[in-house]
Amino acid sequence: MVPLLFAQHRFAIVAPAALYWPAQNALLVADLHLEKASFFARQGQMLPPYDSQATLAELADLVRNTGATRVFCLGDNYHDGEGEARLEAEAARRLSAMTATLEWIWITGNHDRDVAGLWGGKVVDEWTGAGLALRHQATADSALPEISGHYHPKIRIATRGRHLSRRCFVRGRQHLIMPAFGALTGGMAAQDPVIEACVGGPAEAIIGLKEKPVCFPLPFRDSPIEAVDDSQFALPLATTGR
């Protein structure tokens, strides 16, 4: 586990895109985008139809490895409003088994505002507790430090003469934006002005490497958070990676 501190709380990076919260014995993940492949298939773009199984198998491994008893899914749990009912049979079986034995909280996102907990779990618009807010999208006027998803941050780093793209967490004073967990999710550059407008400065991109976090300062202005026009993230998203 790689330690990560935010808002005086201790977390651990336990996968490229997951956090373990020891005080709550909880896993936090964002942007599963289950059934993305089947959504694209309906648009005529055929992808291997195993994304939901792969995503849930990885999540089940993390539950087993950490011993977590709670799971928070921070929105865009399904890629579209019909994805929950369309969930592939084996993925639905695995998900139902997990929600039956864990406290499972679905936070709604812009892709799945009508998620109903068909395969178990509790559905909320956001969760607050222990002095933190968990929601899908960062807000400008949050009264609490918040952890969110939505933007799928990635960072491009140079190593041994090559450039590699890695999912990353973006941490500011009041905001921690999580990378996308789903198997078929794309990403937005961590230094993108849209993310800057949410987080403000100072901020850093963080990846977990072995037993320590590696931090990359982001060139964000130390200024108040501005309103964000994120209409590009509204459905339908038939040709975007987010």
Protein backbone atom coordinates (compact mmCIF):
# COMPACT_ATOMS: atom_id res chain seq x y z
CA MET A 1 0.00 0.00 0.00
CA VAL A 2 1.20 3.51 -0.83
CA PRO A 3 0.29 6.17 1.76
CA LEU A 4 -1.63 9.24 0.65
CA LEU A 5 -2.69 12.06 2.96
CA PHE A 6 -5.63 14.33 2.25
CA ALA A 7 -7.47 16.75 4.52
CA GLN A 8 -5.82 15.22 7.62
CA HIS A 9 -7.06 11.76 6.67
CA ARG A 10 -4.83 8.80 5.91
CA PHE A 11 -5.52 6.80 2.77
CA ALA A 12 -3.55 4.23 0.82
CA ILE A 13 -3.22 3.84 -2.94
CA VAL A 14 -3.88 0.13 -3.45
CA ALA A 15 -4.11 0.04 -7.25
CA PRO A 16 -3.48 2.59 -10.00
CA ALA A 17 -6.99 3.95 -9.49
CA ALA A 18 -8.22 2.87 -6.05
CA LEU A 19 -7.90 4.15 -2.49
CA TYR A 20 -8.21 2.27 0.78
CA TRP A 21 -9.49 4.32 3.73
CA PRO A 22 -8.38 2.52 6.90
CA ALA A 23 -10.51 4.57 9.31
CA GLN A 24 -13.64 3.47 7.44
CA ASN A 25 -12.28 0.08 6.32
CA ALA A 26 -13.46 1.18 2.89
CA LEU A 27 -12.39 1.06 -0.73
CA LEU A 28 -12.97 4.12 -2.92
CA VAL A 29 -13.21 3.84 -6.69
CA ALA A 30 -14.60 6.16 -9.36
CA ASP A 31 -15.84 5.88 -12.93
CA LEU A 32 -16.28 2.14 -13.38
CA HIS A 33 -18.21 2.76 -16.61
CA LEU A 34 -19.60 -0.76 -16.57
CA GLU A 35 -21.04 -1.98 -19.89
CA LYS A 36 -19.13 0.57 -21.93
CA ALA A 37 -18.30 -2.04 -24.58
CA SER A 38 -21.95 -2.99 -25.03
CA PHE A 39 -22.86 0.70 -25.29
CA PHE A 40 -20.37 1.15 -28.13
CA ALA A 41 -21.61 -2.06 -29.77
CA ARG A 42 -25.05 -0.46 -30.01
CA GLN A 43 -23.40 2.42 -31.86
CA GLY A 44 -21.83 -0.03 -34.34
CA GLN A 45 -18.34 0.03 -32.82
CA MET A 46 -17.47 -3.48 -31.71
CA LEU A 47 -15.20 -3.90 -28.67
CA PRO A 48 -14.38 -7.06 -26.67
CA PRO A 49 -17.41 -7.47 -24.37
CA TYR A 50 -15.46 -8.27 -21.21
CA ASP A 51 -14.91 -4.84 -19.67
CA SER A 52 -17.48 -5.25 -16.89
CA GLN A 53 -16.13 -8.64 -15.85
CA ALA A 54 -12.54 -7.35 -15.85
CA THR A 55 -13.44 -4.25 -13.81
CA LEU A 56 -15.42 -6.17 -11.20
CA ALA A 57 -12.81 -8.93 -10.95
CA GLU A 58 -10.13 -6.34 -10.14
CA LEU A 59 -12.41 -4.71 -7.59
CA ALA A 60 -13.15 -8.09 -5.97
CA ASP A 61 -9.40 -8.75 -5.68
CA LEU A 62 -8.92 -5.42 -3.92
CA VAL A 63 -11.73 -6.17 -1.48
CA ARG A 64 -10.13 -9.51 -0.68
CA ASN A 65 -6.60 -8.09 -0.36
CA THR A 66 -7.55 -5.15 1.87
CA GLY A 67 -10.29 -6.81 3.90
CA ALA A 68 -12.54 -3.81 3.21
CA THR A 69 -16.12 -4.05 4.44
CA ARG A 70 -17.37 -0.94 2.62
CA VAL A 71 -17.12 0.16 -1.00
CA PHE A 72 -17.78 3.68 -2.24
CA CYS A 73 -18.27 3.99 -6.02
CA LEU A 74 -17.98 7.67 -6.93
CA GLY A 75 -20.29 7.95 -9.91
CA ASP A 76 -20.40 6.97 -13.57
CA ASN A 77 -20.75 3.44 -12.30
CA TYR A 78 -22.36 2.47 -15.62
CA HIS A 79 -21.48 4.03 -18.94
CA ASP A 80 -25.08 4.98 -19.74
CA GLY A 81 -28.52 5.01 -18.18
CA GLU A 82 -29.42 1.56 -19.52
CA GLY A 83 -26.13 -0.08 -18.55
CA GLU A 84 -27.36 -1.27 -15.16
CA ALA A 85 -30.16 -3.36 -16.66
CA ARG A 86 -27.87 -4.48 -19.50
CA LEU A 87 -25.11 -5.76 -17.20
CA GLU A 88 -23.67 -9.02 -18.54
CA ALA A 89 -24.85 -12.10 -16.62
CA GLU A 90 -21.53 -13.20 -15.10
CA ALA A 91 -20.68 -9.62 -14.13
CA ALA A 92 -24.13 -9.25 -12.54
CA ARG A 93 -23.57 -12.46 -10.55
CA ARG A 94 -20.20 -11.23 -9.28
CA LEU A 95 -21.57 -7.80 -8.41
CA SER A 96 -24.58 -9.23 -6.57
CA ALA A 97 -22.29 -11.47 -4.52
CA MET A 98 -20.17 -8.50 -3.46
CA THR A 99 -23.06 -6.18 -2.59
CA ALA A 100 -24.65 -8.95 -0.52
CA THR A 101 -21.65 -9.15 1.81
CA LEU A 102 -20.41 -5.55 1.85
CA GLU A 103 -21.79 -2.13 2.63
CA TRP A 104 -21.89 -0.86 -0.94
CA ILE A 105 -22.62 2.78 -1.74
CA TRP A 106 -23.34 3.90 -5.29
CA ILE A 107 -22.89 7.64 -5.80
CA THR A 108 -24.68 8.81 -8.93
CA GLY A 109 -22.78 10.39 -11.82
CA ASN A 110 -23.58 12.25 -15.00
CA HIS A 111 -23.64 9.00 -17.01
CA ASP A 112 -25.91 7.11 -14.62
CA ARG A 113 -28.12 9.59 -12.79
CA ASP A 114 -30.91 7.00 -12.59
CA VAL A 115 -28.88 4.12 -11.17
CA ALA A 116 -31.25 2.12 -8.97
CA GLY A 117 -29.13 -0.49 -7.19
CA LEU A 118 -30.61 -3.29 -9.29
CA TRP A 119 -27.76 -5.63 -8.25
CA GLY A 120 -27.69 -4.47 -4.62
CA GLY A 121 -26.16 -1.58 -2.74
CA LYS A 122 -27.44 1.81 -1.61
CA VAL A 123 -27.77 4.73 -4.03
CA VAL A 124 -27.04 8.32 -2.95
CA ASP A 125 -26.24 11.57 -4.74
CA GLU A 126 -23.29 12.15 -2.42
CA TRP A 127 -21.94 10.94 0.91
CA THR A 128 -20.66 13.04 3.79
CA GLY A 129 -18.97 11.85 6.94
CA ALA A 130 -15.77 12.11 8.97
CA GLY A 131 -15.39 15.69 7.78
CA LEU A 132 -15.27 14.75 4.07
CA ALA A 133 -17.64 14.79 1.12
CA LEU A 134 -17.61 12.03 -1.49
CA ARG A 135 -19.29 12.95 -4.78
CA HIS A 136 -18.91 12.38 -8.49
CA GLN A 137 -17.88 15.84 -9.60
CA ALA A 138 -15.81 18.48 -7.84
CA THR A 139 -17.80 21.52 -6.72
CA ALA A 140 -16.71 25.13 -6.34
CA ASP A 141 -18.57 25.82 -3.10
CA SER A 142 -18.15 22.64 -1.08
CA ALA A 143 -18.21 23.27 2.64
CA LEU A 144 -16.06 20.18 3.17
CA PRO A 145 -12.89 18.82 1.60
CA GLU A 146 -14.09 16.50 -1.13
CA ILE A 147 -13.06 13.40 -3.03
CA SER A 148 -14.48 13.02 -6.53
CA GLY A 149 -14.01 11.46 -9.95
CA HIS A 150 -15.46 12.51 -13.31
CA TYR A 151 -12.33 13.80 -15.09
CA HIS A 152 -10.24 10.59 -15.34
CA PRO A 153 -6.89 12.35 -14.74
CA LYS A 154 -3.72 10.96 -16.32
CA ILE A 155 -0.16 12.19 -16.40
CA ARG A 156 2.48 11.71 -19.10
CA ILE A 157 5.95 11.07 -17.71
CA ALA A 158 9.34 10.56 -19.31
CA THR A 159 11.40 7.57 -18.24
CA ARG A 160 14.42 5.95 -19.88
CA GLY A 161 13.89 7.84 -23.09
CA ARG A 162 10.22 6.96 -23.36
CA HIS A 163 7.01 8.75 -22.50
CA LEU A 164 4.45 6.79 -20.51
CA SER A 165 0.87 7.73 -19.67
CA ARG A 166 -0.32 6.77 -16.18
CA ARG A 167 -3.55 7.23 -14.31
CA CYS A 168 -3.06 9.62 -11.41
CA PHE A 169 -4.74 11.30 -8.48
CA VAL A 170 -4.92 15.09 -8.46
CA ARG A 171 -4.63 16.61 -5.00
CA GLY A 172 -5.25 20.24 -4.08
CA ARG A 173 -6.08 21.99 -0.81
CA GLN A 174 -9.75 21.01 -0.79
CA HIS A 175 -10.02 18.52 -3.63
CA LEU A 176 -8.79 15.03 -4.39
CA ILE A 177 -9.80 13.86 -7.88
CA MET A 178 -9.53 10.13 -8.47
CA PRO A 179 -8.56 8.45 -11.74
CA ALA A 180 -11.03 6.24 -13.56
CA PHE A 181 -11.12 2.63 -12.39
CA GLY A 182 -12.98 1.06 -15.33
CA ALA A 183 -11.22 -1.24 -17.78
CA LEU A 184 -12.14 0.76 -20.89
CA THR A 185 -11.95 4.33 -19.60
CA GLY A 186 -9.92 7.06 -21.28
CA GLY A 187 -8.30 10.01 -19.57
CA MET A 188 -7.75 13.76 -19.38
CA ALA A 189 -4.34 15.33 -18.85
CA ALA A 190 -3.94 16.19 -15.17
CA GLN A 191 -2.78 19.70 -16.10
CA ASP A 192 -5.83 20.38 -18.28
CA PRO A 193 -7.40 23.82 -17.66
CA VAL A 194 -10.73 22.15 -16.86
CA ILE A 195 -9.14 20.32 -13.93
CA GLU A 196 -7.28 23.48 -12.92
CA ALA A 197 -10.57 25.37 -12.80
CA CYS A 198 -11.91 22.77 -10.37
CA VAL A 199 -8.92 22.35 -8.10
CA GLY A 200 -7.01 25.65 -8.22
CA GLY A 201 -3.46 25.84 -6.96
CA PRO A 202 -1.25 24.61 -5.55
CA ALA A 203 -1.91 21.07 -6.73
CA GLU A 204 -0.05 17.93 -7.69
CA ALA A 205 -0.55 14.74 -9.64
CA ILE A 206 0.20 11.59 -7.64
CA ILE A 207 0.87 8.01 -8.68
CA GLY A 208 1.71 5.10 -6.40
CA LEU A 209 5.13 3.54 -6.99
CA LYS A 210 6.06 0.51 -4.89
CA GLU A 211 5.71 1.78 -1.31
CA LYS A 212 5.76 5.55 -1.79
CA PRO A 213 3.74 8.18 -3.64
CA VAL A 214 5.43 9.99 -6.51
CA CYS A 215 4.24 13.58 -6.79
CA PHE A 216 4.40 15.86 -9.82
CA PRO A 217 3.65 19.56 -9.18
CA LEU A 218 0.99 20.93 -11.50
CA PRO A 219 1.31 24.45 -12.94
CA PHE A 220 -1.99 25.65 -11.51
CA ARG A 221 -2.60 29.24 -10.46
CA ASP A 222 -3.05 29.87 -6.75
CA SER A 223 -6.45 31.40 -7.27
CA PRO A 224 -10.08 30.86 -6.24
CA ILE A 225 -11.88 27.99 -7.92
CA GLU A 226 -13.80 29.12 -10.97
CA ALA A 227 -17.01 27.85 -12.48
CA VAL A 228 -16.44 24.99 -14.90
CA ASP A 229 -18.24 24.48 -18.17
CA ASP A 230 -18.18 20.71 -18.50
CA SER A 231 -21.06 20.30 -20.93
CA GLN A 232 -18.74 18.15 -23.03
CA PHE A 233 -19.16 15.41 -20.43
CA ALA A 234 -22.93 15.10 -20.91
CA LEU A 235 -24.42 12.07 -22.61
CA PRO A 236 -24.38 10.75 -25.24
CA LEU A 237 -20.66 10.06 -25.43
CA ALA A 238 -20.44 7.66 -28.34
CA THR A 239 -17.04 8.84 -29.52
CA THR A 240 -15.21 9.96 -26.37
CA GLY A 241 -12.91 8.10 -24.04
CA ARG A 242 -14.54 9.50 -20.88
